[in-house]
């Protein structure tokens, strides 16, 4: 079981993600919905993996991704734009394409856990 930080600004999507994580036997942390709150969560919360929506209320989550990378915490982006929303140095980070389902999420988390 992993503790998974949810960084998602749409409450319904965050709630669905929480349910899917619980169904997969993981413990959701959050959700956090803004970049500043996500940076605080990274500094203050204990978790193993993160799922980051790229666009948080009109701001990109790349500062959060930078902090996670510097700490060696694996993460996946979640985005309706797919890989098109990525910029260097994050072009190699996996993207969970919205809308996603339980199988998509499970497959991405397995990649991060290995």
N, C-alpha and C. Protein backbone atom coordinates (compact mmCIF):
# COMPACT_ATOMS: atom_id res chain seq x y z
N UNK A 1 0.84 -1.18 0.00
CA UNK A 1 0.00 0.00 0.00
C UNK A 1 0.88 1.24 0.00
N UNK A 2 0.54 2.17 -0.86
CA UNK A 2 1.27 3.43 -0.93
C UNK A 2 0.36 4.57 -0.48
N UNK A 3 0.98 5.58 0.10
CA UNK A 3 0.26 6.83 0.37
C UNK A 3 0.45 7.70 -0.86
N UNK A 4 -0.67 8.18 -1.44
CA UNK A 4 -0.62 8.89 -2.71
C UNK A 4 -1.17 10.29 -2.53
N UNK A 5 -0.33 11.29 -2.78
CA UNK A 5 -0.75 12.68 -2.73
C UNK A 5 -1.57 13.00 -3.98
N UNK A 6 -2.76 13.55 -3.77
CA UNK A 6 -3.64 13.97 -4.87
C UNK A 6 -3.55 15.48 -5.00
N UNK A 7 -3.10 15.93 -6.17
CA UNK A 7 -3.05 17.36 -6.49
C UNK A 7 -3.99 17.56 -7.68
N UNK A 8 -5.20 18.00 -7.37
CA UNK A 8 -6.27 18.09 -8.37
C UNK A 8 -7.22 19.21 -7.96
N UNK A 9 -7.53 20.12 -8.89
CA UNK A 9 -8.37 21.26 -8.54
C UNK A 9 -9.86 21.06 -8.81
N UNK A 10 -10.24 19.97 -9.43
CA UNK A 10 -11.66 19.70 -9.64
C UNK A 10 -12.12 18.68 -8.61
N UNK A 11 -13.02 19.12 -7.72
CA UNK A 11 -13.42 18.30 -6.59
C UNK A 11 -13.98 16.94 -7.00
N UNK A 12 -14.81 16.89 -8.03
CA UNK A 12 -15.38 15.60 -8.44
C UNK A 12 -14.30 14.64 -8.93
N UNK A 13 -13.34 15.15 -9.68
CA UNK A 13 -12.23 14.33 -10.15
C UNK A 13 -11.40 13.85 -8.96
N UNK A 14 -11.15 14.75 -8.01
CA UNK A 14 -10.38 14.39 -6.82
C UNK A 14 -11.09 13.30 -6.01
N UNK A 15 -12.40 13.44 -5.86
CA UNK A 15 -13.16 12.44 -5.11
C UNK A 15 -13.14 11.08 -5.82
N UNK A 16 -13.27 11.10 -7.13
CA UNK A 16 -13.20 9.86 -7.90
C UNK A 16 -11.81 9.22 -7.75
N UNK A 17 -10.78 10.04 -7.81
CA UNK A 17 -9.41 9.54 -7.64
C UNK A 17 -9.21 8.95 -6.25
N UNK A 18 -9.73 9.61 -5.23
CA UNK A 18 -9.65 9.06 -3.86
C UNK A 18 -10.28 7.67 -3.80
N UNK A 19 -11.47 7.54 -4.40
CA UNK A 19 -12.15 6.24 -4.40
C UNK A 19 -11.36 5.18 -5.15
N UNK A 20 -10.82 5.54 -6.29
CA UNK A 20 -10.04 4.58 -7.07
C UNK A 20 -8.79 4.14 -6.31
N UNK A 21 -8.12 5.10 -5.68
CA UNK A 21 -6.92 4.75 -4.90
C UNK A 21 -7.27 3.80 -3.77
N UNK A 22 -8.37 4.08 -3.08
CA UNK A 22 -8.81 3.19 -2.00
C UNK A 22 -9.14 1.80 -2.54
N UNK A 23 -9.81 1.74 -3.70
CA UNK A 23 -10.13 0.45 -4.32
C UNK A 23 -8.87 -0.34 -4.66
N UNK A 24 -7.80 0.37 -4.97
CA UNK A 24 -6.53 -0.29 -5.30
C UNK A 24 -5.69 -0.60 -4.07
N UNK A 25 -6.21 -0.25 -2.88
CA UNK A 25 -5.51 -0.55 -1.64
C UNK A 25 -4.52 0.52 -1.21
N UNK A 26 -4.60 1.69 -1.80
CA UNK A 26 -3.70 2.79 -1.46
C UNK A 26 -4.40 3.78 -0.54
N UNK A 27 -3.62 4.58 0.14
CA UNK A 27 -4.17 5.59 1.03
C UNK A 27 -4.03 6.97 0.39
N UNK A 28 -5.16 7.62 0.07
CA UNK A 28 -5.09 8.96 -0.51
C UNK A 28 -4.64 10.00 0.52
N UNK A 29 -3.85 10.95 0.08
CA UNK A 29 -3.43 12.09 0.88
C UNK A 29 -3.94 13.33 0.14
N UNK A 30 -4.67 14.17 0.81
CA UNK A 30 -5.25 15.33 0.16
C UNK A 30 -6.72 15.09 -0.09
N UNK A 31 -7.25 15.72 -1.09
CA UNK A 31 -6.59 16.42 -2.18
C UNK A 31 -6.18 17.85 -1.82
N UNK A 32 -5.19 18.32 -2.55
CA UNK A 32 -4.82 19.74 -2.52
C UNK A 32 -5.13 20.30 -3.91
N UNK A 33 -5.58 21.56 -3.92
CA UNK A 33 -6.15 22.09 -5.15
C UNK A 33 -5.43 23.28 -5.75
N UNK A 34 -4.39 23.76 -5.09
CA UNK A 34 -3.65 24.92 -5.60
C UNK A 34 -2.16 24.63 -5.47
N UNK A 35 -1.37 25.34 -6.27
CA UNK A 35 0.08 25.12 -6.28
C UNK A 35 0.69 25.39 -4.91
N UNK A 36 0.32 26.49 -4.26
CA UNK A 36 0.92 26.80 -2.96
C UNK A 36 0.56 25.75 -1.92
N UNK A 37 -0.68 25.28 -1.93
CA UNK A 37 -1.08 24.23 -0.99
C UNK A 37 -0.36 22.92 -1.29
N UNK A 38 -0.13 22.64 -2.55
CA UNK A 38 0.59 21.43 -2.93
C UNK A 38 2.04 21.48 -2.47
N UNK A 39 2.67 22.65 -2.61
CA UNK A 39 4.05 22.79 -2.13
C UNK A 39 4.13 22.61 -0.62
N UNK A 40 3.14 23.12 0.10
CA UNK A 40 3.09 22.91 1.55
C UNK A 40 2.92 21.43 1.88
N UNK A 41 2.04 20.76 1.14
CA UNK A 41 1.81 19.34 1.38
C UNK A 41 3.08 18.53 1.13
N UNK A 42 3.80 18.87 0.09
CA UNK A 42 5.06 18.16 -0.20
C UNK A 42 6.04 18.34 0.97
N UNK A 43 6.05 19.53 1.55
CA UNK A 43 6.97 19.80 2.66
C UNK A 43 6.52 19.18 3.97
N UNK A 44 5.20 19.04 4.16
CA UNK A 44 4.69 18.67 5.48
C UNK A 44 4.09 17.28 5.58
N UNK A 45 3.63 16.70 4.49
CA UNK A 45 2.94 15.41 4.52
C UNK A 45 3.91 14.27 4.19
N UNK A 46 3.55 13.08 4.67
CA UNK A 46 4.31 11.87 4.33
C UNK A 46 3.52 11.11 3.27
N UNK A 47 4.13 10.87 2.12
CA UNK A 47 3.50 10.12 1.05
C UNK A 47 4.59 9.50 0.17
N UNK A 48 4.18 8.52 -0.64
CA UNK A 48 5.13 7.76 -1.45
C UNK A 48 5.13 8.14 -2.92
N UNK A 49 3.96 8.57 -3.41
CA UNK A 49 3.73 8.84 -4.82
C UNK A 49 2.80 10.04 -4.91
N UNK A 50 2.83 10.75 -6.03
CA UNK A 50 1.89 11.86 -6.22
C UNK A 50 1.26 11.77 -7.61
N UNK A 51 0.00 12.20 -7.68
CA UNK A 51 -0.72 12.36 -8.94
C UNK A 51 -0.99 13.85 -9.07
N UNK A 52 -0.39 14.48 -10.09
CA UNK A 52 -0.48 15.93 -10.26
C UNK A 52 -1.29 16.31 -11.49
N UNK A 53 -2.38 17.01 -11.28
CA UNK A 53 -3.06 17.66 -12.40
C UNK A 53 -2.10 18.76 -12.88
N UNK A 54 -1.93 18.90 -14.17
CA UNK A 54 -1.00 19.91 -14.68
C UNK A 54 -1.53 21.32 -14.48
N UNK A 55 -2.82 21.51 -14.74
CA UNK A 55 -3.42 22.84 -14.64
C UNK A 55 -4.23 22.95 -13.35
N UNK A 56 -3.77 23.77 -12.44
CA UNK A 56 -4.45 23.99 -11.16
C UNK A 56 -4.97 25.42 -11.12
N UNK A 57 -6.25 25.59 -11.39
CA UNK A 57 -6.87 26.92 -11.37
C UNK A 57 -6.09 27.92 -12.22
N UNK A 58 -5.67 27.49 -13.40
CA UNK A 58 -4.97 28.37 -14.32
C UNK A 58 -3.47 28.47 -14.11
N UNK A 59 -2.94 27.77 -13.13
CA UNK A 59 -1.48 27.76 -12.91
C UNK A 59 -0.97 26.33 -13.10
N UNK A 60 0.21 26.22 -13.68
CA UNK A 60 0.78 24.89 -13.90
C UNK A 60 1.40 24.36 -12.61
N UNK A 61 1.37 23.05 -12.47
CA UNK A 61 1.90 22.40 -11.26
C UNK A 61 3.39 22.07 -11.36
N UNK A 62 4.08 22.63 -12.35
CA UNK A 62 5.50 22.30 -12.53
C UNK A 62 6.37 22.64 -11.32
N UNK A 63 6.11 23.71 -10.55
CA UNK A 63 6.91 23.92 -9.34
C UNK A 63 6.77 22.76 -8.34
N UNK A 64 5.61 22.17 -8.29
CA UNK A 64 5.40 21.00 -7.41
C UNK A 64 6.19 19.82 -7.96
N UNK A 65 6.13 19.63 -9.27
CA UNK A 65 6.89 18.55 -9.90
C UNK A 65 8.38 18.71 -9.66
N UNK A 66 8.88 19.94 -9.74
CA UNK A 66 10.30 20.20 -9.48
C UNK A 66 10.67 19.79 -8.06
N UNK A 67 9.83 20.13 -7.10
CA UNK A 67 10.10 19.79 -5.70
C UNK A 67 10.07 18.28 -5.50
N UNK A 68 9.06 17.62 -6.07
CA UNK A 68 8.99 16.16 -5.95
C UNK A 68 10.23 15.50 -6.55
N UNK A 69 10.63 15.96 -7.74
CA UNK A 69 11.81 15.39 -8.39
C UNK A 69 13.05 15.59 -7.54
N UNK A 70 13.18 16.77 -6.93
CA UNK A 70 14.37 17.04 -6.10
C UNK A 70 14.41 16.15 -4.87
N UNK A 71 13.23 15.70 -4.41
CA UNK A 71 13.15 14.83 -3.24
C UNK A 71 13.16 13.35 -3.62
N UNK A 72 13.16 13.06 -4.91
CA UNK A 72 13.16 11.67 -5.37
C UNK A 72 11.81 10.98 -5.19
N UNK A 73 10.74 11.74 -5.12
CA UNK A 73 9.40 11.16 -4.97
C UNK A 73 8.79 10.97 -6.36
N UNK A 74 8.42 9.74 -6.70
CA UNK A 74 7.85 9.50 -8.03
C UNK A 74 6.46 10.13 -8.16
N UNK A 75 6.14 10.55 -9.38
CA UNK A 75 4.84 11.16 -9.63
C UNK A 75 4.43 10.94 -11.07
N UNK A 76 3.15 11.12 -11.29
CA UNK A 76 2.57 11.06 -12.63
C UNK A 76 1.73 12.31 -12.80
N UNK A 77 1.74 12.86 -14.00
CA UNK A 77 0.85 13.98 -14.31
C UNK A 77 -0.50 13.41 -14.73
N UNK A 78 -1.56 14.16 -14.44
CA UNK A 78 -2.89 13.84 -14.95
C UNK A 78 -3.34 15.06 -15.75
N UNK A 79 -3.78 14.81 -16.98
CA UNK A 79 -4.13 15.95 -17.83
C UNK A 79 -5.07 15.53 -18.95
N UNK A 80 -5.98 16.41 -19.28
CA UNK A 80 -6.81 16.21 -20.44
C UNK A 80 -6.07 16.51 -21.73
N UNK A 81 -4.93 17.17 -21.63
CA UNK A 81 -4.12 17.52 -22.81
C UNK A 81 -3.12 16.43 -23.17
N UNK A 82 -2.97 15.42 -22.31
CA UNK A 82 -1.99 14.37 -22.57
C UNK A 82 -0.58 14.92 -22.53
N UNK A 83 0.29 14.33 -23.30
CA UNK A 83 1.70 14.71 -23.31
C UNK A 83 1.90 16.12 -23.88
N UNK A 84 0.92 16.65 -24.61
CA UNK A 84 1.05 17.98 -25.21
C UNK A 84 1.20 19.07 -24.16
N UNK A 85 0.76 18.82 -22.93
CA UNK A 85 0.86 19.82 -21.88
C UNK A 85 2.19 19.84 -21.16
N UNK A 86 3.10 18.93 -21.51
CA UNK A 86 4.38 18.84 -20.81
C UNK A 86 5.44 19.75 -21.41
N UNK A 87 6.35 20.17 -20.56
CA UNK A 87 7.51 20.95 -20.98
C UNK A 87 8.76 20.29 -20.40
N UNK A 88 9.92 20.60 -20.99
CA UNK A 88 11.18 20.12 -20.43
C UNK A 88 11.33 20.76 -19.05
N UNK A 89 11.84 20.10 -18.08
CA UNK A 89 12.47 18.78 -18.07
C UNK A 89 11.50 17.64 -17.76
N UNK A 90 10.21 17.84 -17.94
CA UNK A 90 9.22 16.84 -17.54
C UNK A 90 8.66 16.03 -18.70
N UNK A 91 9.26 16.13 -19.86
CA UNK A 91 8.72 15.47 -21.04
C UNK A 91 8.75 13.94 -20.94
N UNK A 92 9.54 13.39 -20.02
CA UNK A 92 9.60 11.94 -19.85
C UNK A 92 8.72 11.42 -18.72
N UNK A 93 8.04 12.31 -18.00
CA UNK A 93 7.19 11.90 -16.89
C UNK A 93 5.91 11.28 -17.46
N UNK A 94 5.46 10.17 -16.89
CA UNK A 94 4.22 9.56 -17.38
C UNK A 94 3.02 10.51 -17.22
N UNK A 95 2.08 10.40 -18.16
CA UNK A 95 0.87 11.21 -18.13
C UNK A 95 -0.34 10.29 -18.11
N UNK A 96 -1.17 10.50 -17.13
CA UNK A 96 -2.44 9.80 -17.00
C UNK A 96 -3.46 10.65 -17.75
N UNK A 97 -3.88 10.18 -18.91
CA UNK A 97 -4.76 10.95 -19.79
C UNK A 97 -6.18 10.97 -19.23
N UNK A 98 -6.70 12.19 -19.00
CA UNK A 98 -8.09 12.32 -18.56
C UNK A 98 -9.02 12.21 -19.75
N UNK A 99 -10.16 11.59 -19.63
CA UNK A 99 -10.62 10.88 -18.44
C UNK A 99 -9.95 9.51 -18.35
N UNK A 100 -9.59 9.12 -17.15
CA UNK A 100 -8.94 7.83 -16.95
C UNK A 100 -9.86 6.94 -16.09
N UNK A 101 -9.54 5.65 -16.11
CA UNK A 101 -10.33 4.71 -15.31
C UNK A 101 -9.41 3.98 -14.34
N UNK A 102 -9.98 3.06 -13.60
CA UNK A 102 -9.24 2.33 -12.57
C UNK A 102 -8.05 1.58 -13.16
N UNK A 103 -8.23 0.97 -14.34
CA UNK A 103 -7.13 0.23 -14.96
C UNK A 103 -6.00 1.15 -15.38
N UNK A 104 -6.34 2.32 -15.93
CA UNK A 104 -5.30 3.29 -16.32
C UNK A 104 -4.50 3.73 -15.09
N UNK A 105 -5.21 4.06 -14.02
CA UNK A 105 -4.56 4.50 -12.80
C UNK A 105 -3.67 3.39 -12.23
N UNK A 106 -4.19 2.19 -12.17
CA UNK A 106 -3.42 1.06 -11.64
C UNK A 106 -2.14 0.84 -12.42
N UNK A 107 -2.25 0.88 -13.74
CA UNK A 107 -1.08 0.67 -14.61
C UNK A 107 0.00 1.74 -14.36
N UNK A 108 -0.42 2.99 -14.24
CA UNK A 108 0.54 4.07 -14.00
C UNK A 108 1.18 3.96 -12.61
N UNK A 109 0.39 3.61 -11.61
CA UNK A 109 0.95 3.48 -10.26
C UNK A 109 1.93 2.32 -10.18
N UNK A 110 1.64 1.23 -10.87
CA UNK A 110 2.56 0.09 -10.89
C UNK A 110 3.91 0.49 -11.49
N UNK A 111 3.87 1.32 -12.53
CA UNK A 111 5.13 1.80 -13.13
C UNK A 111 5.94 2.62 -12.13
N UNK A 112 5.24 3.44 -11.35
CA UNK A 112 5.94 4.29 -10.37
C UNK A 112 6.48 3.49 -9.20
N UNK A 113 5.79 2.44 -8.83
CA UNK A 113 6.19 1.64 -7.67
C UNK A 113 7.36 0.73 -7.97
N UNK A 114 7.61 0.45 -9.25
CA UNK A 114 8.68 -0.50 -9.60
C UNK A 114 10.03 0.16 -9.69
